[in-house]
Amino acid sequence: MSSKIVWLLLHLLATQSFSFLISTSINKPSCVQLDASSPVVEINRKNNDSLAIQIERVSSRNRVLDVQVFRGFSISASEFIHKQRSELNVTISEKDAISQLTPSYDDDGKELDSIGDPVTQFTALACHRTDNRFSSQEEYTRGVVIGAVDAKIRRSPSSLPSLGDPGILVDELLWPHVSLKNLSVDKDFRRMGVASALVRAVKVFAIEEKMTAVILEVEHANTGAVNLYEKEGFVFVDEEETIGGKMILVLE
């Protein structure tokens, strides 16, 4: 399957099936079993390794840790267990390891003691197909995080930790809105529509929360990111800025 076809499939998936995909992914720690109607795209790569790409809203401590490991902020639970055993001669369970590695989150993956609404995270998962001759459906292994994005609801200017953003006036922004931050995709899965799918997940989230807009910050020189956001309908708040600034997507 050519990369162009894959991109088109992901584009159709993101624009037509996101509300269903996100709602059915909540509380599922692994990739779902696929059938003909499942809104998940399968990708056949050169080594015949079959993958399904799925967008999921983070709703467990396990997935919070998966995202932190993907972003390089934490070690995995298995690494932590090994360190405890080898360095301290202490044996702990995987559940306890995850709890110790994610102390700022509850069991539903929500931030504790956050200012205003907690950050909502979305992930892109790559799920490897496993052959099972005893099953009528193709089963997929636990998803590996290949992309992530954060969405933070801002209900009023007072919900901002700091109003000192240079060159941006608070009065220019629409309230309430969702702030999109920390979008990243694994280098081996770029230019496959994954980033666009994550951005659209945030857009669906903002619409469901009855927000007026989605706002993000990006450097003008980051042409790849700027082009991505412009294709998704974002425009710069201040076109005269030459270093960086806010882009906004006004929701109907």
Protein backbone atom coordinates (compact mmCIF):
# COMPACT_ATOMS: atom_id res chain seq x y z
CA MET A 1 0.00 0.00 0.00
CA SER A 2 1.49 3.35 -1.02
CA SER A 3 2.13 6.10 1.52
CA LYS A 4 -0.35 8.35 -0.33
CA ILE A 5 -3.15 5.81 0.07
CA VAL A 6 -2.27 5.35 3.73
CA TRP A 7 -2.45 9.09 4.25
CA LEU A 8 -5.85 9.28 2.55
CA LEU A 9 -7.20 6.46 4.71
CA LEU A 10 -5.98 8.15 7.88
CA HIS A 11 -7.44 11.45 6.66
CA LEU A 12 -10.85 9.88 6.13
CA LEU A 13 -10.65 8.14 9.49
CA ALA A 14 -9.81 11.34 11.33
CA THR A 15 -12.50 13.47 9.66
CA GLN A 16 -15.39 11.01 9.80
CA SER A 17 -14.96 8.65 12.73
CA PHE A 18 -13.24 10.45 15.57
CA SER A 19 -16.10 10.90 18.02
CA PHE A 20 -16.85 7.17 17.80
CA LEU A 21 -13.21 6.17 17.99
CA ILE A 22 -12.48 8.28 21.06
CA SER A 23 -15.60 7.23 22.94
CA THR A 24 -15.03 3.52 22.33
CA SER A 25 -11.37 3.74 23.35
CA ILE A 26 -11.94 5.06 26.86
CA ASN A 27 -11.02 2.61 29.61
CA LYS A 28 -9.52 0.12 27.15
CA PRO A 29 -5.85 -0.42 28.07
CA SER A 30 -5.05 -2.27 24.83
CA CYS A 31 -5.97 -2.15 21.18
CA VAL A 32 -9.44 -3.39 20.37
CA GLN A 33 -10.22 -6.46 18.28
CA LEU A 34 -10.86 -5.32 14.74
CA ASP A 35 -13.74 -6.17 12.47
CA ALA A 36 -14.93 -4.77 9.16
CA SER A 37 -16.70 -1.81 10.79
CA SER A 38 -13.93 -0.85 13.23
CA PRO A 39 -12.66 2.75 12.69
CA VAL A 40 -9.00 1.71 12.80
CA VAL A 41 -6.65 1.78 9.81
CA GLU A 42 -4.35 -1.14 9.08
CA ILE A 43 -0.97 -0.41 7.52
CA ASN A 44 1.13 -3.03 5.76
CA ARG A 45 4.78 -2.02 5.87
CA LYS A 46 7.70 -3.28 3.76
CA ASN A 47 8.53 -6.08 6.17
CA ASN A 48 4.92 -7.31 6.03
CA ASP A 49 4.47 -6.23 9.63
CA SER A 50 0.78 -5.37 9.85
CA LEU A 51 -0.14 -2.41 12.04
CA ALA A 52 -3.33 -0.70 13.14
CA ILE A 53 -3.18 2.98 14.11
CA GLN A 54 -5.67 4.00 16.80
CA ILE A 55 -6.28 7.31 18.59
CA GLU A 56 -7.09 6.95 22.29
CA ARG A 57 -7.98 9.35 25.07
CA VAL A 58 -5.77 8.64 28.08
CA SER A 59 -7.93 7.26 30.88
CA SER A 60 -5.64 5.15 33.07
CA ARG A 61 -2.39 5.41 34.97
CA ASN A 62 -0.93 2.73 32.73
CA ARG A 63 -1.42 4.89 29.66
CA VAL A 64 -0.16 8.01 31.45
CA LEU A 65 3.08 6.16 32.08
CA ASP A 66 3.19 4.97 28.46
CA VAL A 67 3.04 8.61 27.34
CA GLN A 68 5.71 9.70 29.83
CA VAL A 69 8.04 6.93 28.62
CA PHE A 70 7.36 7.94 24.99
CA ARG A 71 8.26 11.54 25.79
CA GLY A 72 11.40 10.51 27.67
CA PHE A 73 10.14 11.73 31.04
CA SER A 74 10.14 8.37 32.81
CA ILE A 75 11.42 4.82 32.75
CA SER A 76 9.00 1.95 32.19
CA ALA A 77 7.39 -0.06 34.98
CA SER A 78 9.52 -3.10 34.12
CA GLU A 79 12.72 -1.02 34.31
CA PHE A 80 11.63 0.41 37.65
CA ILE A 81 10.88 -3.08 39.03
CA HIS A 82 14.30 -4.28 37.87
CA LYS A 83 16.05 -1.30 39.53
CA GLN A 84 14.21 -1.87 42.81
CA ARG A 85 15.20 -5.53 42.79
CA SER A 86 18.84 -5.06 41.76
CA GLU A 87 19.66 -1.91 43.76
CA LEU A 88 17.46 -2.24 46.84
CA ASN A 89 16.67 -5.96 46.85
CA VAL A 90 12.97 -5.04 46.94
CA THR A 91 10.28 -6.78 44.91
CA ILE A 92 7.19 -4.76 43.95
CA SER A 93 4.23 -5.44 41.69
CA GLU A 94 3.66 -3.77 38.33
CA LYS A 95 0.66 -1.91 39.79
CA ASP A 96 2.79 -0.49 42.61
CA ALA A 97 5.53 0.45 40.15
CA ILE A 98 3.07 2.36 37.97
CA SER A 99 1.64 4.13 41.03
CA GLN A 100 5.09 5.22 42.20
CA LEU A 101 6.04 6.42 38.72
CA THR A 102 2.82 8.45 38.30
CA PRO A 103 2.27 10.04 41.74
CA SER A 104 0.56 13.13 40.29
CA TYR A 105 -2.27 11.16 38.63
CA ASP A 106 -5.29 9.20 39.82
CA ASP A 107 -6.32 5.77 38.55
CA ASP A 108 -8.35 7.37 35.73
CA GLY A 109 -5.28 9.14 34.39
CA LYS A 110 -6.32 12.60 35.61
CA GLU A 111 -3.91 15.09 37.14
CA LEU A 112 -4.16 15.68 40.85
CA ASP A 113 -4.02 19.23 42.24
CA SER A 114 -4.06 20.82 38.79
CA ILE A 115 -4.84 24.51 38.32
CA GLY A 116 -8.30 24.66 36.76
CA ASP A 117 -9.31 21.75 34.55
CA PRO A 118 -6.77 18.91 34.35
CA VAL A 119 -4.84 18.30 31.13
CA THR A 120 -6.51 15.79 28.82
CA GLN A 121 -4.08 13.65 26.82
CA PHE A 122 -4.59 11.82 23.55
CA THR A 123 -2.28 9.16 22.17
CA ALA A 124 -1.72 7.50 18.83
CA LEU A 125 -1.18 3.74 19.22
CA ALA A 126 0.47 1.31 16.83
CA CYS A 127 -0.91 -2.19 17.33
CA HIS A 128 0.84 -5.22 15.85
CA ARG A 129 -1.36 -7.97 14.45
CA THR A 130 -1.03 -11.45 15.92
CA ASP A 131 -2.27 -14.53 14.10
CA ASN A 132 -4.83 -16.53 16.04
CA ARG A 133 -6.27 -19.47 14.12
CA PHE A 134 -8.80 -20.08 16.91
CA SER A 135 -10.36 -16.62 16.67
CA SER A 136 -12.80 -15.34 14.08
CA GLN A 137 -11.31 -11.86 14.45
CA GLU A 138 -7.76 -10.57 14.04
CA GLU A 139 -6.38 -9.73 17.45
CA TYR A 140 -3.92 -6.96 18.12
CA THR A 141 -1.37 -6.68 20.88
CA ARG A 142 -1.24 -3.89 23.47
CA GLY A 143 -0.76 -0.60 21.63
CA VAL A 144 2.61 1.10 21.55
CA VAL A 145 2.49 4.90 21.85
CA ILE A 146 3.76 6.53 18.66
CA GLY A 147 2.34 10.00 19.23
CA ALA A 148 0.76 12.19 21.88
CA VAL A 149 -0.81 15.59 22.43
CA ASP A 150 -2.10 17.56 25.44
CA ALA A 151 -5.34 19.54 25.63
CA LYS A 152 -5.91 22.03 28.46
CA ILE A 153 -9.24 23.81 28.96
CA ARG A 154 -8.87 27.53 29.70
CA ARG A 155 -12.19 28.86 30.97
CA SER A 156 -11.09 32.45 31.71
CA PRO A 157 -7.92 34.61 31.84
CA SER A 158 -7.71 33.89 35.57
CA SER A 159 -7.20 30.18 34.79
CA LEU A 160 -3.80 30.95 33.28
CA PRO A 161 -0.80 30.45 35.62
CA SER A 162 0.84 33.46 34.00
CA LEU A 163 -0.39 36.22 31.70
CA GLY A 164 3.09 37.32 30.66
CA ASP A 165 3.14 35.93 27.12
CA PRO A 166 5.15 38.49 25.11
CA GLY A 167 3.39 40.09 22.18
CA ILE A 168 0.01 38.50 22.92
CA LEU A 169 -2.85 40.37 24.54
CA VAL A 170 -5.29 38.33 26.59
CA ASP A 171 -8.15 40.38 25.08
CA GLU A 172 -7.28 38.96 21.63
CA LEU A 173 -8.08 35.39 22.70
CA LEU A 174 -11.47 33.72 22.79
CA TRP A 175 -12.78 32.31 26.08
CA PRO A 176 -13.32 29.58 27.00
CA HIS A 177 -10.90 27.71 24.76
CA VAL A 178 -8.68 24.64 24.62
CA SER A 179 -4.91 25.07 24.61
CA LEU A 180 -3.18 22.45 22.41
CA LYS A 181 0.37 21.62 23.55
CA ASN A 182 3.20 19.10 23.27
CA LEU A 183 2.22 17.48 19.98
CA SER A 184 4.80 14.87 19.00
CA VAL A 185 4.99 11.80 16.73
CA ASP A 186 7.62 9.07 16.59
CA LYS A 187 10.00 9.72 13.68
CA ASP A 188 9.23 6.33 12.13
CA PHE A 189 5.53 7.21 11.83
CA ARG A 190 5.67 10.77 10.54
CA ARG A 191 4.04 11.88 7.28
CA MET A 192 1.36 9.23 7.74
CA GLY A 193 -1.40 11.53 9.02
CA VAL A 194 -0.84 10.71 12.70
CA ALA A 195 -0.21 14.32 13.77
CA SER A 196 -3.29 15.52 11.90
CA ALA A 197 -5.35 12.80 13.56
CA LEU A 198 -4.18 13.91 17.01
CA VAL A 199 -4.99 17.55 16.24
CA ARG A 200 -8.48 16.55 15.13
CA ALA A 201 -8.95 14.56 18.33
CA VAL A 202 -8.31 17.77 20.28
CA LYS A 203 -10.76 19.62 18.03
CA VAL A 204 -13.48 17.01 18.70
CA PHE A 205 -12.74 17.26 22.43
CA ALA A 206 -13.06 21.06 22.32
CA ILE A 207 -16.39 20.85 20.49
CA GLU A 208 -17.73 18.30 22.98
CA GLU A 209 -16.69 20.61 25.83
CA LYS A 210 -18.46 23.54 24.09
CA MET A 211 -15.28 25.60 23.73
CA THR A 212 -15.07 28.63 21.44
CA ALA A 213 -11.65 27.84 19.96
CA VAL A 214 -8.47 25.78 19.99
CA ILE A 215 -5.27 27.79 20.50
CA LEU A 216 -1.61 26.76 20.23
CA GLU A 217 1.87 28.28 20.07
CA VAL A 218 4.35 27.59 17.27
CA GLU A 219 7.50 29.13 15.82
CA HIS A 220 7.04 30.75 12.41
CA ALA A 221 10.27 29.07 11.30
CA ASN A 222 8.81 25.62 12.01
CA THR A 223 7.26 25.47 8.55
CA GLY A 224 6.28 21.80 8.81
CA ALA A 225 4.21 22.39 11.92
CA VAL A 226 2.78 25.66 10.60
CA ASN A 227 1.68 23.96 7.37
CA LEU A 228 0.07 21.15 9.36
CA TYR A 229 -1.91 23.55 11.53
CA GLU A 230 -2.92 25.75 8.59
CA LYS A 231 -4.31 22.68 6.79
CA GLU A 232 -6.39 22.03 9.91
CA GLY A 233 -7.82 25.58 9.79
CA PHE A 234 -5.56 27.42 12.25
CA VAL A 235 -4.45 31.02 11.58
CA PHE A 236 -1.93 33.23 13.38
CA VAL A 237 -3.38 35.69 15.89
CA ASP A 238 -0.71 38.23 14.89
CA GLU A 239 0.72 37.80 11.38
CA GLU A 240 3.37 40.48 12.04
CA GLU A 241 5.27 38.37 14.56
CA THR A 242 8.43 36.93 13.01
CA ILE A 243 9.70 34.60 15.76
CA GLY A 244 6.70 32.77 17.11
CA GLY A 245 3.15 33.27 18.15
CA LYS A 246 -0.28 31.88 18.78
CA MET A 247 -2.42 30.18 16.16
CA ILE A 248 -6.15 29.89 16.64
CA LEU A 249 -8.92 27.69 15.27
CA VAL A 250 -12.34 29.25 15.87
CA LEU A 251 -15.06 26.66 16.41
CA GLU A 252 -18.58 27.15 15.14
